[in-house]
Amino acid sequence: QLQLVESGGGLVQPVGSLRVSCAASGGTLDYYVIGWFRQAPGKEREGVACISRSGSGTNYADSVKGRFTISRDNAKNTVYLQMKTLKPEDTAVYYCAASIRYITNCLLTEGYITWGQGTQVTVSS
C-alpha cells in the first residue's frame, strides 16, 4: 500500500545545489528506514544515503560524503536529499526506497521492498 514519489530533479551546473524529495502515501513514513539510490546509464544502481526511522542515524556513500545530506520530516511524510557541490558524475536517476525492517547496511538494495519511480538529476555546463 505504501507508495513513494520522487520530485525535484532537473538540470544544474557543476558546483551547484539541488534538493530532491521523496513523498510517501498509504503509510506512515516514520515506521520505515529510507534510502536514496541512483543509477547512471550503463551502471549498476548504487546506494547514496540512508536514514533511520528517527532521523538520528544516517549513512552516506564515500563519493557523496560531505556534499549530500539526507533528512526527514515525518510530519510531512517526506524524506529529502540535499545535494551540494554537484559534479557531472552525480548525473543519474535518483530513487528513494523504504523498508519497514531493520537493515544492517542500508546502502544496499537488498531489503528494500518499496521503490519510487525515480527523478532525473543532470549536472552539466
PDB file of N, CA and C in Angstrom:
ATOM      1  N   GLN A   1       0.815  -1.209   0.000  1.00  0.00           N
ATOM      2  CA  GLN A   1       0.000   0.000   0.000  1.00  0.00           C
ATOM      3  C   GLN A   1       0.853   1.265   0.000  1.00  0.00           C
ATOM      4  N   LEU A   2       1.994   1.195   0.671  1.00  0.00           N
ATOM      5  CA  LEU A   2       2.881   2.362   0.703  1.00  0.00           C
ATOM      6  C   LEU A   2       3.368   2.686  -0.709  1.00  0.00           C
ATOM      7  N   GLN A   3       3.316   3.961  -1.061  1.00  0.00           N
ATOM      8  CA  GLN A   3       3.800   4.438  -2.343  1.00  0.00           C
ATOM      9  C   GLN A   3       4.749   5.604  -2.133  1.00  0.00           C
ATOM     10  N   LEU A   4       5.782   5.661  -2.968  1.00  0.00           N
ATOM     11  CA  LEU A   4       6.781   6.713  -2.886  1.00  0.00           C
ATOM     12  C   LEU A   4       6.862   7.444  -4.215  1.00  0.00           C
ATOM     13  N   VAL A   5       6.966   8.763  -4.149  1.00  0.00           N
ATOM     14  CA  VAL A   5       7.067   9.591  -5.345  1.00  0.00           C
ATOM     15  C   VAL A   5       8.206  10.578  -5.159  1.00  0.00           C
ATOM     16  N   GLU A   6       9.210  10.499  -6.039  1.00  0.00           N
ATOM     17  CA  GLU A   6      10.320  11.441  -6.018  1.00  0.00           C
ATOM     18  C   GLU A   6       9.988  12.676  -6.847  1.00  0.00           C
ATOM     19  N   SER A   7      10.582  13.789  -6.471  1.00  0.00           N
ATOM     20  CA  SER A   7      10.427  15.020  -7.226  1.00  0.00           C
ATOM     21  C   SER A   7      11.621  15.925  -6.957  1.00  0.00           C
ATOM     22  N   GLY A   8      11.758  16.965  -7.765  1.00  0.00           N
ATOM     23  CA  GLY A   8      12.791  17.956  -7.548  1.00  0.00           C
ATOM     24  C   GLY A   8      14.013  17.822  -8.430  1.00  0.00           C
ATOM     25  N   GLY A   9      14.067  16.799  -9.259  1.00  0.00           N
ATOM     26  CA  GLY A   9      15.191  16.646 -10.154  1.00  0.00           C
ATOM     27  C   GLY A   9      15.190  17.704 -11.244  1.00  0.00           C
ATOM     28  N   GLY A  10      16.319  17.797 -11.953  1.00  0.00           N
ATOM     29  CA  GLY A  10      16.426  18.767 -13.019  1.00  0.00           C
ATOM     30  C   GLY A  10      17.852  18.935 -13.475  1.00  0.00           C
ATOM     31  N   LEU A  11      18.079  19.992 -14.241  1.00  0.00           N
ATOM     32  CA  LEU A  11      19.395  20.314 -14.775  1.00  0.00           C
ATOM     33  C   LEU A  11      20.059  21.360 -13.892  1.00  0.00           C
ATOM     34  N   VAL A  12      21.293  21.095 -13.496  1.00  0.00           N
ATOM     35  CA  VAL A  12      22.031  22.017 -12.647  1.00  0.00           C
ATOM     36  C   VAL A  12      23.486  22.051 -13.101  1.00  0.00           C
ATOM     37  N   GLN A  13      24.129  23.194 -12.950  1.00  0.00           N
ATOM     38  CA  GLN A  13      25.527  23.335 -13.335  1.00  0.00           C
ATOM     39  C   GLN A  13      26.450  22.758 -12.270  1.00  0.00           C
ATOM     40  N   PRO A  14      27.655  22.348 -12.664  1.00  0.00           N
ATOM     41  CA  PRO A  14      28.621  21.860 -11.672  1.00  0.00           C
ATOM     42  C   PRO A  14      28.834  22.857 -10.543  1.00  0.00           C
ATOM     43  N   VAL A  15      29.012  22.333  -9.358  1.00  0.00           N
ATOM     44  CA  VAL A  15      29.192  23.079  -8.114  1.00  0.00           C
ATOM     45  C   VAL A  15      27.862  23.651  -7.614  1.00  0.00           C
ATOM     46  N   GLY A  16      26.806  23.459  -8.365  1.00  0.00           N
ATOM     47  CA  GLY A  16      25.503  23.920  -7.942  1.00  0.00           C
ATOM     48  C   GLY A  16      24.861  22.992  -6.925  1.00  0.00           C
ATOM     49  N   SER A  17      23.646  23.340  -6.512  1.00  0.00           N
ATOM     50  CA  SER A  17      22.918  22.588  -5.499  1.00  0.00           C
ATOM     51  C   SER A  17      21.523  22.239  -5.988  1.00  0.00           C
ATOM     52  N   LEU A  18      20.991  21.172  -5.429  1.00  0.00           N
ATOM     53  CA  LEU A  18      19.655  20.721  -5.767  1.00  0.00           C
ATOM     54  C   LEU A  18      19.126  19.881  -4.620  1.00  0.00           C
ATOM     55  N   ARG A  19      17.835  19.980  -4.365  1.00  0.00           N
ATOM     56  CA  ARG A  19      17.199  19.145  -3.357  1.00  0.00           C
ATOM     57  C   ARG A  19      16.105  18.309  -4.001  1.00  0.00           C
ATOM     58  N   VAL A  20      16.183  17.011  -3.797  1.00  0.00           N
ATOM     59  CA  VAL A  20      15.149  16.112  -4.266  1.00  0.00           C
ATOM     60  C   VAL A  20      14.341  15.617  -3.075  1.00  0.00           C
ATOM     61  N   SER A  21      13.077  15.317  -3.323  1.00  0.00           N
ATOM     62  CA  SER A  21      12.163  14.927  -2.270  1.00  0.00           C
ATOM     63  C   SER A  21      11.562  13.561  -2.555  1.00  0.00           C
ATOM     64  N   CYS A  22      11.189  12.878  -1.496  1.00  0.00           N
ATOM     65  CA  CYS A  22      10.526  11.584  -1.571  1.00  0.00           C
ATOM     66  C   CYS A  22       9.292  11.657  -0.690  1.00  0.00           C
ATOM     67  N   ALA A  23       8.137  11.733  -1.308  1.00  0.00           N
ATOM     68  CA  ALA A  23       6.881  11.846  -0.585  1.00  0.00           C
ATOM     69  C   ALA A  23       6.178  10.498  -0.529  1.00  0.00           C
ATOM     70  N   ALA A  24       5.690  10.143   0.640  1.00  0.00           N
ATOM     71  CA  ALA A  24       5.037   8.858   0.850  1.00  0.00           C
ATOM     72  C   ALA A  24       3.538   9.028   1.016  1.00  0.00           C
ATOM     73  N   SER A  25       2.812   8.026   0.576  1.00  0.00           N
ATOM     74  CA  SER A  25       1.378   7.956   0.789  1.00  0.00           C
ATOM     75  C   SER A  25       0.997   6.513   1.077  1.00  0.00           C
ATOM     76  N   GLY A  26      -0.134   6.324   1.727  1.00  0.00           N
ATOM     77  CA  GLY A  26      -0.593   4.990   2.039  1.00  0.00           C
ATOM     78  C   GLY A  26       0.067   4.361   3.249  1.00  0.00           C
ATOM     79  N   GLY A  27       0.840   5.129   3.983  1.00  0.00           N
ATOM     80  CA  GLY A  27       1.516   4.628   5.159  1.00  0.00           C
ATOM     81  C   GLY A  27       2.178   5.757   5.916  1.00  0.00           C
ATOM     82  N   THR A  28       2.532   5.495   7.149  1.00  0.00           N
ATOM     83  CA  THR A  28       3.217   6.464   7.986  1.00  0.00           C
ATOM     84  C   THR A  28       4.716   6.250   7.854  1.00  0.00           C
ATOM     85  N   LEU A  29       5.403   7.239   7.328  1.00  0.00           N
ATOM     86  CA  LEU A  29       6.796   7.067   6.936  1.00  0.00           C
ATOM     87  C   LEU A  29       7.733   6.866   8.120  1.00  0.00           C
ATOM     88  N   ASP A  30       7.347   7.291   9.297  1.00  0.00           N
ATOM     89  CA  ASP A  30       8.251   7.154  10.434  1.00  0.00           C
ATOM     90  C   ASP A  30       8.461   5.707  10.863  1.00  0.00           C
ATOM     91  N   TYR A  31       7.714   4.787  10.291  1.00  0.00           N
ATOM     92  CA  TYR A  31       7.935   3.365  10.554  1.00  0.00           C
ATOM     93  C   TYR A  31       9.019   2.766   9.666  1.00  0.00           C
ATOM     94  N   TYR A  32       9.545   3.519   8.729  1.00  0.00           N
ATOM     95  CA  TYR A  32      10.403   2.972   7.692  1.00  0.00           C
ATOM     96  C   TYR A  32      11.809   3.559   7.707  1.00  0.00           C
ATOM     97  N   VAL A  33      12.782   2.694   7.455  1.00  0.00           N
ATOM     98  CA  VAL A  33      14.109   3.133   7.052  1.00  0.00           C
ATOM     99  C   VAL A  33      14.013   3.578   5.590  1.00  0.00           C
ATOM    100  N   ILE A  34      14.622   4.704   5.255  1.00  0.00           N
ATOM    101  CA  ILE A  34      14.552   5.242   3.904  1.00  0.00           C
ATOM    102  C   ILE A  34      15.961   5.358   3.319  1.00  0.00           C
ATOM    103  N   GLY A  35      16.095   4.927   2.079  1.00  0.00           N
ATOM    104  CA  GLY A  35      17.359   5.050   1.372  1.00  0.00           C
ATOM    105  C   GLY A  35      17.197   5.798   0.067  1.00  0.00           C
ATOM    106  N   TRP A  36      18.240   6.527  -0.313  1.00  0.00           N
ATOM    107  CA  TRP A  36      18.340   7.141  -1.634  1.00  0.00           C
ATOM    108  C   TRP A  36      19.362   6.369  -2.452  1.00  0.00           C
ATOM    109  N   PHE A  37      19.002   6.049  -3.678  1.00  0.00           N
ATOM    110  CA  PHE A  37      19.854   5.321  -4.595  1.00  0.00           C
ATOM    111  C   PHE A  37      19.904   6.070  -5.915  1.00  0.00           C
ATOM    112  N   ARG A  38      20.905   5.769  -6.718  1.00  0.00           N
ATOM    113  CA  ARG A  38      20.984   6.383  -8.032  1.00  0.00           C
ATOM    114  C   ARG A  38      21.515   5.387  -9.043  1.00  0.00           C
ATOM    115  N   GLN A  39      21.143   5.622 -10.288  1.00  0.00           N
ATOM    116  CA  GLN A  39      21.591   4.759 -11.370  1.00  0.00           C
ATOM    117  C   GLN A  39      21.884   5.600 -12.603  1.00  0.00           C
ATOM    118  N   ALA A  40      23.126   5.557 -13.035  1.00  0.00           N
ATOM    119  CA  ALA A  40      23.547   6.228 -14.250  1.00  0.00           C
ATOM    120  C   ALA A  40      23.468   5.249 -15.411  1.00  0.00           C
ATOM    121  N   PRO A  41      23.357   5.747 -16.643  1.00  0.00           N
ATOM    122  CA  PRO A  41      23.281   4.850 -17.801  1.00  0.00           C
ATOM    123  C   PRO A  41      24.456   3.892 -17.855  1.00  0.00           C
ATOM    124  N   GLY A  42      24.154   2.612 -18.031  1.00  0.00           N
ATOM    125  CA  GLY A  42      25.188   1.598 -18.135  1.00  0.00           C
ATOM    126  C   GLY A  42      25.823   1.187 -16.835  1.00  0.00           C
ATOM    127  N   LYS A  43      25.347   1.703 -15.717  1.00  0.00           N
ATOM    128  CA  LYS A  43      25.930   1.377 -14.425  1.00  0.00           C
ATOM    129  C   LYS A  43      24.908   0.717 -13.512  1.00  0.00           C
ATOM    130  N   GLU A  44      25.414   0.035 -12.502  1.00  0.00           N
ATOM    131  CA  GLU A  44      24.547  -0.585 -11.508  1.00  0.00           C
ATOM    132  C   GLU A  44      23.972   0.469 -10.579  1.00  0.00           C
ATOM    133  N   ARG A  45      22.814   0.159 -10.025  1.00  0.00           N
ATOM    134  CA  ARG A  45      22.219   1.037  -9.040  1.00  0.00           C
ATOM    135  C   ARG A  45      23.060   1.018  -7.763  1.00  0.00           C
ATOM    136  N   GLU A  46      23.331   2.195  -7.220  1.00  0.00           N
ATOM    137  CA  GLU A  46      24.175   2.295  -6.046  1.00  0.00           C
ATOM    138  C   GLU A  46      23.501   3.095  -4.948  1.00  0.00           C
ATOM    139  N   GLY A  47      23.802   2.729  -3.727  1.00  0.00           N
ATOM    140  CA  GLY A  47      23.288   3.457  -2.584  1.00  0.00           C
ATOM    141  C   GLY A  47      23.996   4.784  -2.413  1.00  0.00           C
ATOM    142  N   VAL A  48      23.247   5.816  -2.112  1.00  0.00           N
ATOM    143  CA  VAL A  48      23.778   7.157  -1.926  1.00  0.00           C
ATOM    144  C   VAL A  48      23.737   7.568  -0.461  1.00  0.00           C
ATOM    145  N   ALA A  49      22.584   7.414   0.155  1.00  0.00           N
ATOM    146  CA  ALA A  49      22.398   7.806   1.541  1.00  0.00           C
ATOM    147  C   ALA A  49      21.194   7.078   2.103  1.00  0.00           C
ATOM    148  N   CYS A  50      21.162   6.919   3.410  1.00  0.00           N
ATOM    149  CA  CYS A  50      20.009   6.321   4.063  1.00  0.00           C
ATOM    150  C   CYS A  50      19.864   6.917   5.451  1.00  0.00           C
ATOM    151  N   ILE A  51      18.657   6.785   5.992  1.00  0.00           N
ATOM    152  CA  ILE A  51      18.338   7.432   7.254  1.00  0.00           C
ATOM    153  C   ILE A  51      17.469   6.520   8.101  1.00  0.00           C
ATOM    154  N   SER A  52      17.709   6.551   9.397  1.00  0.00           N
ATOM    155  CA  SER A  52      16.967   5.716  10.329  1.00  0.00           C
ATOM    156  C   SER A  52      15.557   6.245  10.527  1.00  0.00           C
ATOM    157  N   ARG A  53      14.755   5.467  11.227  1.00  0.00           N
ATOM    158  CA  ARG A  53      13.356   5.854  11.461  1.00  0.00           C
ATOM    159  C   ARG A  53      13.236   7.177  12.205  1.00  0.00           C
ATOM    160  N   SER A  54      14.076   7.368  13.184  1.00  0.00           N
ATOM    161  CA  SER A  54      14.013   8.589  13.978  1.00  0.00           C
ATOM    162  C   SER A  54      14.683   9.771  13.289  1.00  0.00           C
ATOM    163  N   GLY A  55      15.546   9.489  12.324  1.00  0.00           N
ATOM    164  CA  GLY A  55      16.303  10.535  11.670  1.00  0.00           C
ATOM    165  C   GLY A  55      17.642  10.821  12.311  1.00  0.00           C
ATOM    166  N   SER A  56      17.951  10.153  13.410  1.00  0.00           N
ATOM    167  CA  SER A  56      19.189  10.415  14.127  1.00  0.00           C
ATOM    168  C   SER A  56      20.388   9.687  13.534  1.00  0.00           C
ATOM    169  N   GLY A  57      20.145   8.633  12.760  1.00  0.00           N
ATOM    170  CA  GLY A  57      21.220   7.871  12.166  1.00  0.00           C
ATOM    171  C   GLY A  57      21.213   7.973  10.653  1.00  0.00           C
ATOM    172  N   THR A  58      22.374   8.284  10.079  1.00  0.00           N
ATOM    173  CA  THR A  58      22.492   8.413   8.630  1.00  0.00           C
ATOM    174  C   THR A  58      23.761   7.737   8.139  1.00  0.00           C
ATOM    175  N   ASN A  59      23.724   7.264   6.904  1.00  0.00           N
ATOM    176  CA  ASN A  59      24.891   6.702   6.238  1.00  0.00           C
ATOM    177  C   ASN A  59      25.007   7.313   4.850  1.00  0.00           C
ATOM    178  N   TYR A  60      26.246   7.452   4.374  1.00  0.00           N
ATOM    179  CA  TYR A  60      26.494   8.037   3.070  1.00  0.00           C
ATOM    180  C   TYR A  60      27.553   7.244   2.324  1.00  0.00           C
ATOM    181  N   ALA A  61      27.387   7.187   1.016  1.00  0.00           N
ATOM    182  CA  ALA A  61      28.443   6.650   0.182  1.00  0.00           C
ATOM    183  C   ALA A  61      29.652   7.575   0.234  1.00  0.00           C
ATOM    184  N   ASP A  62      30.841   6.999   0.119  1.00  0.00           N
ATOM    185  CA  ASP A  62      32.052   7.806   0.180  1.00  0.00           C
ATOM    186  C   ASP A  62      32.073   8.899  -0.893  1.00  0.00           C
ATOM    187  N   SER A  63      31.489   8.617  -2.033  1.00  0.00           N
ATOM    188  CA  SER A  63      31.526   9.555  -3.142  1.00  0.00           C
ATOM    189  C   SER A  63      30.714  10.825  -2.897  1.00  0.00           C
ATOM    190  N   VAL A  64      29.788  10.788  -1.952  1.00  0.00           N
ATOM    191  CA  VAL A  64      28.937  11.948  -1.697  1.00  0.00           C
ATOM    192  C   VAL A  64      29.100  12.500  -0.296  1.00  0.00           C
ATOM    193  N   LYS A  65      29.868  11.848   0.532  1.00  0.00           N
ATOM    194  CA  LYS A  65      30.032  12.272   1.917  1.00  0.00           C
ATOM    195  C   LYS A  65      30.600  13.689   1.982  1.00  0.00           C
ATOM    196  N   GLY A  66      29.961  14.516   2.778  1.00  0.00           N
ATOM    197  CA  GLY A  66      30.367  15.901   2.897  1.00  0.00           C
ATOM    198  C   GLY A  66      29.684  16.832   1.923  1.00  0.00           C
ATOM    199  N   ARG A  67      29.035  16.285   0.909  1.00  0.00           N
ATOM    200  CA  ARG A  67      28.335  17.093  -0.085  1.00  0.00           C
ATOM    201  C   ARG A  67      26.818  16.911  -0.024  1.00  0.00           C
ATOM    202  N   PHE A  68      26.375  15.699   0.282  1.00  0.00           N
ATOM    203  CA  PHE A  68      24.944  15.390   0.318  1.00  0.00           C
ATOM    204  C   PHE A  68      24.476  15.253   1.759  1.00  0.00           C
ATOM    205  N   THR A  69      23.236  15.623   2.004  1.00  0.00           N
ATOM    206  CA  THR A  69      22.629  15.482   3.319  1.00  0.00           C
ATOM    207  C   THR A  69      21.231  14.902   3.181  1.00  0.00           C
ATOM    208  N   ILE A  70      20.980  13.808   3.881  1.00  0.00           N
ATOM    209  CA  ILE A  70      19.649  13.216   3.909  1.00  0.00           C
ATOM    210  C   ILE A  70      18.949  13.646   5.192  1.00  0.00           C
ATOM    211  N   SER A  71      17.670  13.925   5.084  1.00  0.00           N
ATOM    212  CA  SER A  71      16.890  14.318   6.241  1.00  0.00           C
ATOM    213  C   SER A  71      15.453  13.864   6.045  1.00  0.00           C
ATOM    214  N   ARG A  72      14.694  13.896   7.123  1.00  0.00           N
ATOM    215  CA  ARG A  72      13.297  13.501   7.009  1.00  0.00           C
ATOM    216  C   ARG A  72      12.417  14.401   7.852  1.00  0.00           C
ATOM    217  N   ASP A  73      11.219  14.612   7.360  1.00  0.00           N
ATOM    218  CA  ASP A  73      10.196  15.349   8.073  1.00  0.00           C
ATOM    219  C   ASP A  73       8.999  14.414   8.171  1.00  0.00           C
ATOM    220  N   ASN A  74       8.928  13.691   9.266  1.00  0.00           N
ATOM    221  CA  ASN A  74       7.883  12.687   9.404  1.00  0.00           C
ATOM    222  C   ASN A  74       6.486  13.294   9.461  1.00  0.00           C
ATOM    223  N   ALA A  75       6.379  14.518   9.944  1.00  0.00           N
ATOM    224  CA  ALA A  75       5.089  15.188   9.971  1.00  0.00           C
ATOM    225  C   ALA A  75       4.552  15.419   8.566  1.00  0.00           C
ATOM    226  N   LYS A  76       5.456  15.600   7.603  1.00  0.00           N
ATOM    227  CA  LYS A  76       5.069  15.790   6.206  1.00  0.00           C
ATOM    228  C   LYS A  76       5.160  14.500   5.404  1.00  0.00           C
ATOM    229  N   ASN A  77       5.558  13.414   6.052  1.00  0.00           N
ATOM    230  CA  ASN A  77       5.708  12.127   5.376  1.00  0.00           C
ATOM    231  C   ASN A  77       6.653  12.231   4.180  1.00  0.00           C
ATOM    232  N   THR A  78       7.759  12.944   4.378  1.00  0.00           N
ATOM    233  CA  THR A  78       8.676  13.239   3.285  1.00  0.00           C
ATOM    234  C   THR A  78      10.125  13.094   3.738  1.00  0.00           C
ATOM    235  N   VAL A  79      10.953  12.560   2.847  1.00  0.00           N
ATOM    236  CA  VAL A  79      12.396  12.475   3.042  1.00  0.00           C
ATOM    237  C   VAL A  79      13.071  13.299   1.955  1.00  0.00           C
ATOM    238  N   TYR A  80      14.148  13.980   2.323  1.00  0.00           N
ATOM    239  CA  TYR A  80      14.844  14.858   1.399  1.00  0.00           C
ATOM    240  C   TYR A  80      16.290  14.422   1.201  1.00  0.00           C
ATOM    241  N   LEU A  81      16.826  14.773   0.055  1.00  0.00           N
ATOM    242  CA  LEU A  81      18.247  14.641  -0.201  1.00  0.00           C
ATOM    243  C   LEU A  81      18.747  15.978  -0.724  1.00  0.00           C
ATOM    244  N   GLN A  82      19.494  16.688   0.107  1.00  0.00           N
ATOM    245  CA  GLN A  82      20.088  17.957  -0.285  1.00  0.00           C
ATOM    246  C   GLN A  82      21.455  17.689  -0.896  1.00  0.00           C
ATOM    247  N   MET A  83      21.639  18.078  -2.134  1.00  0.00           N
ATOM    248  CA  MET A  83      22.866  17.824  -2.864  1.00  0.00           C
ATOM    249  C   MET A  83      23.570  19.142  -3.133  1.00  0.00           C
ATOM    250  N   LYS A  84      24.819  19.237  -2.704  1.00  0.00           N
ATOM    251  CA  LYS A  84      25.618  20.431  -2.891  1.00  0.00           C
ATOM    252  C   LYS A  84      26.920  20.092  -3.601  1.00  0.00           C
ATOM    253  N   THR A  85      27.558  21.116  -4.139  1.00  0.00           N
ATOM    254  CA  THR A  85      28.813  20.955  -4.863  1.00  0.00           C
ATOM    255  C   THR A  85      28.706  19.806  -5.859  1.00  0.00           C
ATOM    256  N   LEU A  86      27.670  19.860  -6.658  1.00  0.00           N
ATOM    257  CA  LEU A  86      27.389  18.773  -7.587  1.00  0.00           C
ATOM    258  C   LEU A  86      28.451  18.654  -8.668  1.00  0.00           C
ATOM    259  N   LYS A  87      28.694  17.418  -9.086  1.00  0.00           N
ATOM    260  CA  LYS A  87      29.669  17.089 -10.107  1.00  0.00           C
ATOM    261  C   LYS A  87      28.978  16.386 -11.266  1.00  0.00           C
ATOM    262  N   PRO A  88      29.551  16.443 -12.456  1.00  0.00           N
ATOM    263  CA  PRO A  88      28.950  15.731 -13.588  1.00  0.00           C
ATOM    264  C   PRO A  88      28.729  14.249 -13.307  1.00  0.00           C
ATOM    265  N   GLU A  89      29.607  13.626 -12.537  1.00  0.00           N
ATOM    266  CA  GLU A  89      29.458  12.215 -12.233  1.00  0.00           C
ATOM    267  C   GLU A  89      28.295  11.921 -11.290  1.00  0.00           C
ATOM    268  N   ASP A  90      27.653  12.949 -10.752  1.00  0.00           N
ATOM    269  CA  ASP A  90      26.439  12.766  -9.965  1.00  0.00           C
ATOM    270  C   ASP A  90      25.205  12.588 -10.844  1.00  0.00           C
ATOM    271  N   THR A  91      25.355  12.785 -12.132  1.00  0.00           N
ATOM    272  CA  THR A  91      24.233  12.643 -13.054  1.00  0.00           C
ATOM    273  C   THR A  91      23.686  11.219 -13.017  1.00  0.00           C
ATOM    274  N   ALA A  92      22.396  11.093 -12.754  1.00  0.00           N
ATOM    275  CA  ALA A  92      21.764   9.789 -12.640  1.00  0.00           C
ATOM    276  C   ALA A  92      20.275   9.976 -12.387  1.00  0.00           C
ATOM    277  N   VAL A  93      19.549   8.878 -12.468  1.00  0.00           N
ATOM    278  CA  VAL A  93      18.189   8.847 -11.957  1.00  0.00           C
ATOM    279  C   VAL A  93      18.269   8.508 -10.476  1.00  0.00           C
ATOM    280  N   TYR A  94      17.636   9.316  -9.659  1.00  0.00           N
ATOM    281  CA  TYR A  94      17.669   9.133  -8.219  1.00  0.00           C
ATOM    282  C   TYR A  94      16.360   8.520  -7.737  1.00  0.00           C
ATOM    283  N   TYR A  95      16.477   7.458  -6.964  1.00  0.00           N
ATOM    284  CA  TYR A  95      15.337   6.725  -6.444  1.00  0.00           C
ATOM    285  C   TYR A  95      15.346   6.737  -4.923  1.00  0.00           C
ATOM    286  N   CYS A  96      14.169   6.763  -4.333  1.00  0.00           N
ATOM    287  CA  CYS A  96      14.068   6.509  -2.905  1.00  0.00           C
ATOM    288  C   CYS A  96      13.405   5.159  -2.685  1.00  0.00           C
ATOM    289  N   ALA A  97      13.698   4.555  -1.555  1.00  0.00           N
ATOM    290  CA  ALA A  97      13.173   3.242  -1.223  1.00  0.00           C
ATOM    291  C   ALA A  97      12.915   3.163   0.274  1.00  0.00           C
ATOM    292  N   ALA A  98      11.989   2.288   0.655  1.00  0.00           N
ATOM    293  CA  ALA A  98      11.580   2.165   2.047  1.00  0.00           C
ATOM    294  C   ALA A  98      11.626   0.717   2.504  1.00  0.00           C
ATOM    295  N   SER A  99      12.021   0.537   3.753  1.00  0.00           N
ATOM    296  CA  SER A  99      11.994  -0.772   4.394  1.00  0.00           C
ATOM    297  C   SER A  99      11.408  -0.640   5.786  1.00  0.00           C
ATOM    298  N   ILE A 100      10.469  -1.504   6.104  1.00  0.00           N
ATOM    299  CA  ILE A 100       9.889  -1.494   7.438  1.00  0.00           C
ATOM    300  C   ILE A 100      10.736  -2.308   8.412  1.00  0.00           C
ATOM    301  N   ARG A 101      11.679  -3.059   7.883  1.00  0.00           N
ATOM    302  CA  ARG A 101      12.556  -3.890   8.701  1.00  0.00           C
ATOM    303  C   ARG A 101      13.903  -3.212   8.930  1.00  0.00           C
ATOM    304  N   TYR A 102      14.578  -3.634   9.975  1.00  0.00           N
ATOM    305  CA  TYR A 102      15.932  -3.191  10.210  1.00  0.00           C
ATOM    306  C   TYR A 102      16.841  -3.728   9.111  1.00  0.00           C
ATOM    307  N   ILE A 103      17.751  -2.898   8.632  1.00  0.00           N
ATOM    308  CA  ILE A 103      18.696  -3.277   7.591  1.00  0.00           C
ATOM    309  C   ILE A 103      20.107  -3.047   8.122  1.00  0.00           C
ATOM    310  N   THR A 104      20.921  -4.097   8.047  1.00  0.00           N
ATOM    311  CA  THR A 104      22.277  -3.997   8.561  1.00  0.00           C
ATOM    312  C   THR A 104      23.083  -2.938   7.811  1.00  0.00           C
ATOM    313  N   ASN A 105      23.047  -2.995   6.484  1.00  0.00           N
ATOM    314  CA  ASN A 105      23.708  -2.000   5.650  1.00  0.00           C
ATOM    315  C   ASN A 105      22.646  -1.371   4.757  1.00  0.00           C
ATOM    316  N   CYS A 106      22.205  -0.198   5.122  1.00  0.00           N
ATOM    317  CA  CYS A 106      21.078   0.410   4.427  1.00  0.00           C
ATOM    318  C   CYS A 106      21.460   1.076   3.112  1.00  0.00           C
ATOM    319  N   LEU A 107      22.711   0.956   2.695  1.00  0.00           N
ATOM    320  CA  LEU A 107      23.125   1.430   1.378  1.00  0.00           C
ATOM    321  C   LEU A 107      23.056   0.337   0.318  1.00  0.00           C
ATOM    322  N   LEU A 108      22.648  -0.854   0.695  1.00  0.00           N
ATOM    323  CA  LEU A 108      22.465  -1.943  -0.243  1.00  0.00           C
ATOM    324  C   LEU A 108      21.001  -2.038  -0.648  1.00  0.00           C
ATOM    325  N   THR A 109      20.764  -2.416  -1.894  1.00  0.00           N
ATOM    326  CA  THR A 109      19.396  -2.504  -2.388  1.00  0.00           C
ATOM    327  C   THR A 109      18.612  -3.633  -1.730  1.00  0.00           C
ATOM    328  N   GLU A 110      19.320  -4.683  -1.309  1.00  0.00           N
ATOM    329  CA  GLU A 110      18.658  -5.814  -0.666  1.00  0.00           C
ATOM    330  C   GLU A 110      17.962  -5.354   0.609  1.00  0.00           C
ATOM    331  N   GLY A 111      16.724  -5.790   0.760  1.00  0.00           N
ATOM    332  CA  GLY A 111      15.961  -5.440   1.945  1.00  0.00           C
ATOM    333  C   GLY A 111      14.900  -4.392   1.719  1.00  0.00           C
ATOM    334  N   TYR A 112      15.035  -3.610   0.669  1.00  0.00           N
ATOM    335  CA  TYR A 112      14.029  -2.599   0.342  1.00  0.00           C
ATOM    336  C   TYR A 112      12.962  -3.211  -0.548  1.00  0.00           C
ATOM    337  N   ILE A 113      11.725  -3.010  -0.192  1.00  0.00           N
ATOM    338  CA  ILE A 113      10.628  -3.615  -0.934  1.00  0.00           C
ATOM    339  C   ILE A 113       9.819  -2.593  -1.728  1.00  0.00           C
ATOM    340  N   THR A 114       9.796  -1.347  -1.279  1.00  0.00           N
ATOM    341  CA  THR A 114       9.009  -0.311  -1.934  1.00  0.00           C
ATOM    342  C   THR A 114       9.932   0.731  -2.536  1.00  0.00           C
ATOM    343  N   TRP A 115       9.741   1.018  -3.816  1.00  0.00           N
ATOM    344  CA  TRP A 115      10.584   1.958  -4.552  1.00  0.00           C
ATOM    345  C   TRP A 115       9.740   3.005  -5.257  1.00  0.00           C
ATOM    346  N   GLY A 116      10.298   4.199  -5.378  1.00  0.00           N
ATOM    347  CA  GLY A 116       9.668   5.229  -6.178  1.00  0.00           C
ATOM    348  C   GLY A 116      10.017   5.067  -7.643  1.00  0.00           C
ATOM    349  N   GLN A 117       9.495   5.972  -8.461  1.00  0.00           N
ATOM    350  CA  GLN A 117       9.698   5.885  -9.909  1.00  0.00           C
ATOM    351  C   GLN A 117      10.990   6.537 -10.376  1.00  0.00           C
ATOM    352  N   GLY A 118      11.602   7.338  -9.544  1.00  0.00           N
ATOM    353  CA  GLY A 118      12.851   7.995  -9.868  1.00  0.00           C
ATOM    354  C   GLY A 118      12.667   9.404 -10.391  1.00  0.00           C
ATOM    355  N   THR A 119      13.692  10.224 -10.178  1.00  0.00           N
ATOM    356  CA  THR A 119      13.721  11.576 -10.719  1.00  0.00           C
ATOM    357  C   THR A 119      15.106  11.838 -11.303  1.00  0.00           C
ATOM    358  N   GLN A 120      15.144  12.426 -12.485  1.00  0.00           N
ATOM    359  CA  GLN A 120      16.397  12.626 -13.202  1.00  0.00           C
ATOM    360  C   GLN A 120      17.135  13.846 -12.675  1.00  0.00           C
ATOM    361  N   VAL A 121      18.407  13.658 -12.365  1.00  0.00           N
ATOM    362  CA  VAL A 121      19.301  14.749 -11.987  1.00  0.00           C
ATOM    363  C   VAL A 121      20.432  14.787 -12.999  1.00  0.00           C
ATOM    364  N   THR A 122      20.598  15.918 -13.659  1.00  0.00           N
ATOM    365  CA  THR A 122      21.640  16.081 -14.662  1.00  0.00           C
ATOM    366  C   THR A 122      22.533  17.248 -14.270  1.00  0.00           C
ATOM    367  N   VAL A 123      23.826  16.983 -14.149  1.00  0.00           N
ATOM    368  CA  VAL A 123      24.807  18.004 -13.792  1.00  0.00           C
ATOM    369  C   VAL A 123      25.674  18.253 -15.018  1.00  0.00           C
ATOM    370  N   SER A 124      25.543  19.423 -15.599  1.00  0.00           N
ATOM    371  CA  SER A 124      26.241  19.725 -16.844  1.00  0.00           C
ATOM    372  C   SER A 124      26.368  21.223 -17.021  1.00  0.00           C
ATOM    373  N   SER A 125      27.437  21.632 -17.719  1.00  0.00           N
ATOM    374  CA  SER A 125      27.626  23.026 -18.061  1.00  0.00           C
ATOM    375  C   SER A 125      26.828  23.418 -19.287  1.00  0.00           C
TER     376      SER A 125
END
